[in-house]
N, C-alpha and C. Protein backbone atom coordinates (compact mmCIF):
# COMPACT_ATOMS: atom_id res chain seq x y z
N MET A 1 0.82 -1.19 0.00
CA MET A 1 0.00 0.00 0.00
C MET A 1 0.87 1.26 0.00
N ILE A 2 1.94 1.25 0.78
CA ILE A 2 2.83 2.41 0.81
C ILE A 2 3.52 2.59 -0.54
N GLY A 3 3.90 1.48 -1.17
CA GLY A 3 4.49 1.55 -2.50
C GLY A 3 3.53 2.12 -3.52
N PHE A 4 2.24 1.78 -3.39
CA PHE A 4 1.22 2.29 -4.29
C PHE A 4 1.09 3.81 -4.13
N ILE A 5 1.15 4.30 -2.89
CA ILE A 5 1.06 5.74 -2.64
C ILE A 5 2.29 6.46 -3.19
N ILE A 6 3.47 5.89 -2.98
CA ILE A 6 4.69 6.50 -3.50
C ILE A 6 4.67 6.52 -5.02
N ALA A 7 4.25 5.41 -5.64
CA ALA A 7 4.16 5.36 -7.10
C ALA A 7 3.16 6.40 -7.61
N GLY A 8 2.04 6.56 -6.92
CA GLY A 8 1.05 7.56 -7.31
C GLY A 8 1.60 8.97 -7.24
N LEU A 9 2.39 9.24 -6.20
CA LEU A 9 2.98 10.56 -6.07
C LEU A 9 4.00 10.81 -7.18
N ILE A 10 4.80 9.80 -7.49
CA ILE A 10 5.79 9.94 -8.57
C ILE A 10 5.10 10.12 -9.92
N ILE A 11 4.07 9.34 -10.17
CA ILE A 11 3.34 9.44 -11.44
C ILE A 11 2.64 10.79 -11.53
N GLY A 12 2.05 11.26 -10.45
CA GLY A 12 1.41 12.58 -10.45
C GLY A 12 2.41 13.69 -10.69
N ALA A 13 3.60 13.58 -10.08
CA ALA A 13 4.64 14.60 -10.29
C ALA A 13 5.13 14.58 -11.73
N LEU A 14 5.31 13.39 -12.30
CA LEU A 14 5.71 13.29 -13.71
C LEU A 14 4.65 13.90 -14.62
N ALA A 15 3.40 13.66 -14.31
CA ALA A 15 2.31 14.20 -15.13
C ALA A 15 2.33 15.72 -15.09
N ARG A 16 2.60 16.30 -13.91
CA ARG A 16 2.66 17.75 -13.82
C ARG A 16 3.88 18.31 -14.55
N LEU A 17 4.98 17.55 -14.58
CA LEU A 17 6.15 18.00 -15.33
C LEU A 17 5.92 17.94 -16.84
N ILE A 18 5.20 16.92 -17.28
CA ILE A 18 4.94 16.74 -18.71
C ILE A 18 3.92 17.76 -19.22
N LYS A 19 2.90 18.03 -18.41
CA LYS A 19 1.84 18.96 -18.82
C LYS A 19 2.39 20.37 -18.84
N PRO A 20 2.30 21.05 -19.99
CA PRO A 20 2.85 22.40 -20.08
C PRO A 20 2.01 23.40 -19.28
N GLY A 21 2.64 24.46 -18.88
CA GLY A 21 1.94 25.51 -18.15
C GLY A 21 2.02 25.31 -16.64
N LYS A 22 1.47 26.28 -15.93
CA LYS A 22 1.48 26.24 -14.48
C LYS A 22 0.18 25.62 -13.99
N GLN A 23 0.30 24.64 -13.13
CA GLN A 23 -0.88 24.02 -12.54
C GLN A 23 -1.02 24.52 -11.10
N ASN A 24 -2.22 24.89 -10.74
CA ASN A 24 -2.49 25.32 -9.37
C ASN A 24 -3.03 24.15 -8.57
N LEU A 25 -2.22 23.12 -8.44
CA LEU A 25 -2.62 21.92 -7.70
C LEU A 25 -1.66 21.72 -6.54
N GLY A 26 -2.20 21.35 -5.40
CA GLY A 26 -1.37 21.08 -4.24
C GLY A 26 -0.82 19.67 -4.26
N LEU A 27 -0.09 19.34 -3.22
CA LEU A 27 0.51 18.02 -3.09
C LEU A 27 -0.55 16.93 -3.00
N LEU A 28 -1.62 17.19 -2.26
CA LEU A 28 -2.68 16.19 -2.10
C LEU A 28 -3.38 15.94 -3.43
N ALA A 29 -3.65 16.99 -4.18
CA ALA A 29 -4.29 16.82 -5.50
C ALA A 29 -3.38 16.06 -6.45
N THR A 30 -2.08 16.35 -6.40
CA THR A 30 -1.12 15.63 -7.23
C THR A 30 -1.11 14.16 -6.87
N LEU A 31 -1.11 13.87 -5.57
CA LEU A 31 -1.12 12.49 -5.11
C LEU A 31 -2.39 11.77 -5.56
N LEU A 32 -3.53 12.39 -5.38
CA LEU A 32 -4.80 11.74 -5.74
C LEU A 32 -4.91 11.52 -7.25
N LEU A 33 -4.48 12.49 -8.04
CA LEU A 33 -4.52 12.32 -9.50
C LEU A 33 -3.52 11.26 -9.95
N GLY A 34 -2.37 11.20 -9.30
CA GLY A 34 -1.40 10.17 -9.61
C GLY A 34 -1.91 8.78 -9.23
N LEU A 35 -2.59 8.68 -8.09
CA LEU A 35 -3.17 7.40 -7.69
C LEU A 35 -4.26 6.96 -8.66
N ALA A 36 -5.08 7.92 -9.08
CA ALA A 36 -6.13 7.59 -10.05
C ALA A 36 -5.51 7.13 -11.37
N GLY A 37 -4.47 7.81 -11.80
CA GLY A 37 -3.77 7.41 -13.02
C GLY A 37 -3.12 6.05 -12.88
N SER A 38 -2.59 5.75 -11.69
CA SER A 38 -2.00 4.44 -11.43
C SER A 38 -3.03 3.32 -11.53
N VAL A 39 -4.20 3.58 -10.98
CA VAL A 39 -5.27 2.57 -11.07
C VAL A 39 -5.68 2.36 -12.52
N ILE A 40 -5.84 3.45 -13.26
CA ILE A 40 -6.21 3.34 -14.68
C ILE A 40 -5.13 2.57 -15.44
N GLY A 41 -3.87 2.90 -15.21
CA GLY A 41 -2.77 2.20 -15.87
C GLY A 41 -2.74 0.73 -15.51
N GLY A 42 -2.98 0.41 -14.23
CA GLY A 42 -3.02 -0.99 -13.80
C GLY A 42 -4.16 -1.76 -14.43
N VAL A 43 -5.31 -1.12 -14.53
CA VAL A 43 -6.48 -1.78 -15.14
C VAL A 43 -6.22 -2.05 -16.61
N VAL A 44 -5.68 -1.05 -17.33
CA VAL A 44 -5.41 -1.24 -18.75
C VAL A 44 -4.37 -2.34 -18.96
N ALA A 45 -3.30 -2.32 -18.16
CA ALA A 45 -2.27 -3.35 -18.29
C ALA A 45 -2.84 -4.72 -17.96
N SER A 46 -3.71 -4.79 -16.97
CA SER A 46 -4.34 -6.06 -16.60
C SER A 46 -5.25 -6.56 -17.72
N LEU A 47 -6.00 -5.65 -18.33
CA LEU A 47 -6.89 -6.04 -19.42
C LEU A 47 -6.11 -6.52 -20.65
N LEU A 48 -4.91 -5.96 -20.84
CA LEU A 48 -4.07 -6.38 -21.95
C LEU A 48 -3.27 -7.64 -21.63
N GLY A 49 -3.35 -8.09 -20.39
CA GLY A 49 -2.70 -9.33 -20.00
C GLY A 49 -1.22 -9.21 -19.70
N THR A 50 -0.74 -8.00 -19.41
CA THR A 50 0.68 -7.84 -19.13
C THR A 50 1.01 -7.93 -17.65
N GLY A 51 0.01 -8.00 -16.79
CA GLY A 51 0.28 -8.10 -15.36
C GLY A 51 -0.97 -7.85 -14.55
N ASP A 52 -0.79 -7.87 -13.25
CA ASP A 52 -1.87 -7.63 -12.32
C ASP A 52 -2.09 -6.12 -12.16
N ILE A 53 -3.23 -5.74 -11.62
CA ILE A 53 -3.56 -4.32 -11.47
C ILE A 53 -2.58 -3.61 -10.55
N PHE A 54 -2.06 -4.26 -9.53
CA PHE A 54 -1.13 -3.63 -8.59
C PHE A 54 0.33 -3.95 -8.89
N GLU A 55 0.58 -4.56 -10.02
CA GLU A 55 1.94 -4.92 -10.41
C GLU A 55 2.52 -3.79 -11.27
N LEU A 56 3.72 -3.37 -10.93
CA LEU A 56 4.35 -2.30 -11.69
C LEU A 56 5.08 -2.88 -12.89
N ASN A 57 4.63 -2.49 -14.08
CA ASN A 57 5.30 -2.89 -15.31
C ASN A 57 5.37 -1.69 -16.25
N PHE A 58 6.12 -1.83 -17.32
CA PHE A 58 6.37 -0.69 -18.20
C PHE A 58 5.09 -0.15 -18.84
N LEU A 59 4.28 -1.04 -19.39
CA LEU A 59 3.06 -0.60 -20.07
C LEU A 59 2.11 0.08 -19.08
N GLY A 60 1.94 -0.51 -17.92
CA GLY A 60 1.08 0.09 -16.91
C GLY A 60 1.57 1.46 -16.47
N PHE A 61 2.90 1.59 -16.35
CA PHE A 61 3.49 2.86 -15.95
C PHE A 61 3.24 3.94 -17.01
N VAL A 62 3.46 3.58 -18.27
CA VAL A 62 3.26 4.55 -19.36
C VAL A 62 1.79 4.98 -19.43
N VAL A 63 0.88 4.02 -19.36
CA VAL A 63 -0.55 4.35 -19.39
C VAL A 63 -0.93 5.18 -18.17
N ALA A 64 -0.35 4.88 -17.02
CA ALA A 64 -0.64 5.63 -15.80
C ALA A 64 -0.20 7.09 -15.94
N VAL A 65 0.96 7.32 -16.52
CA VAL A 65 1.44 8.69 -16.70
C VAL A 65 0.55 9.44 -17.69
N ILE A 66 0.18 8.78 -18.78
CA ILE A 66 -0.70 9.42 -19.77
C ILE A 66 -2.05 9.75 -19.15
N ALA A 67 -2.61 8.79 -18.41
CA ALA A 67 -3.90 9.02 -17.74
C ALA A 67 -3.79 10.16 -16.74
N SER A 68 -2.68 10.23 -16.03
CA SER A 68 -2.50 11.29 -15.03
C SER A 68 -2.37 12.66 -15.70
N VAL A 69 -1.69 12.72 -16.84
CA VAL A 69 -1.60 13.99 -17.57
C VAL A 69 -3.00 14.45 -17.97
N LEU A 70 -3.81 13.53 -18.46
CA LEU A 70 -5.18 13.88 -18.83
C LEU A 70 -6.00 14.30 -17.61
N LEU A 71 -5.80 13.62 -16.48
CA LEU A 71 -6.52 13.98 -15.26
C LEU A 71 -6.09 15.34 -14.73
N VAL A 72 -4.80 15.65 -14.82
CA VAL A 72 -4.31 16.97 -14.40
C VAL A 72 -4.94 18.05 -15.28
N GLY A 73 -5.00 17.82 -16.57
CA GLY A 73 -5.64 18.78 -17.47
C GLY A 73 -7.11 18.97 -17.16
N THR A 74 -7.79 17.88 -16.85
CA THR A 74 -9.21 17.96 -16.50
C THR A 74 -9.40 18.72 -15.19
N ALA A 75 -8.59 18.41 -14.20
CA ALA A 75 -8.68 19.10 -12.91
C ALA A 75 -8.39 20.59 -13.06
N GLU A 76 -7.43 20.91 -13.91
CA GLU A 76 -7.09 22.30 -14.18
C GLU A 76 -8.26 23.03 -14.84
N ALA A 77 -8.92 22.36 -15.79
CA ALA A 77 -10.06 22.98 -16.47
C ALA A 77 -11.23 23.20 -15.51
N ILE A 78 -11.47 22.23 -14.65
CA ILE A 78 -12.56 22.37 -13.68
C ILE A 78 -12.25 23.49 -12.68
N ALA A 79 -11.03 23.54 -12.20
CA ALA A 79 -10.64 24.60 -11.26
C ALA A 79 -10.69 25.98 -11.94
N GLY A 80 -10.34 26.03 -13.21
CA GLY A 80 -10.38 27.29 -13.95
C GLY A 80 -11.80 27.80 -14.12
N ARG A 81 -12.74 26.90 -14.37
CA ARG A 81 -14.13 27.29 -14.51
C ARG A 81 -14.68 27.82 -13.20
N ARG A 82 -14.29 27.22 -12.10
CA ARG A 82 -14.78 27.67 -10.79
C ARG A 82 -14.28 29.07 -10.47
N SER A 83 -13.03 29.37 -10.80
CA SER A 83 -12.49 30.68 -10.48
C SER A 83 -13.06 31.76 -11.40
N VAL A 84 -13.49 31.41 -12.61
CA VAL A 84 -14.08 32.38 -13.53
C VAL A 84 -15.47 32.79 -13.05
N ARG A 85 -16.23 31.87 -12.47
CA ARG A 85 -17.58 32.15 -11.99
C ARG A 85 -17.60 33.16 -10.86
N ARG A 86 -16.58 33.18 -10.05
CA ARG A 86 -16.59 34.05 -8.85
C ARG A 86 -16.42 35.45 -9.19
């Protein structure tokens, strides 16, 4: 479980580095988006038969980072809409 949290934090940080521009996300948001991306990557890798959902492999890692980049972009868009309304 601790390894899963650390992997989520690393994947979330990588996603923020890959995504251009400044993101107004805190450490907790980065961790949660990285964890969500890790789960998505694990599910996709599991469906493709390359490993278990909690097993770290190359394909799962790549999909997790891509999913996290998309999640960071989505979170950024949602946060941007909220600040425009005020």
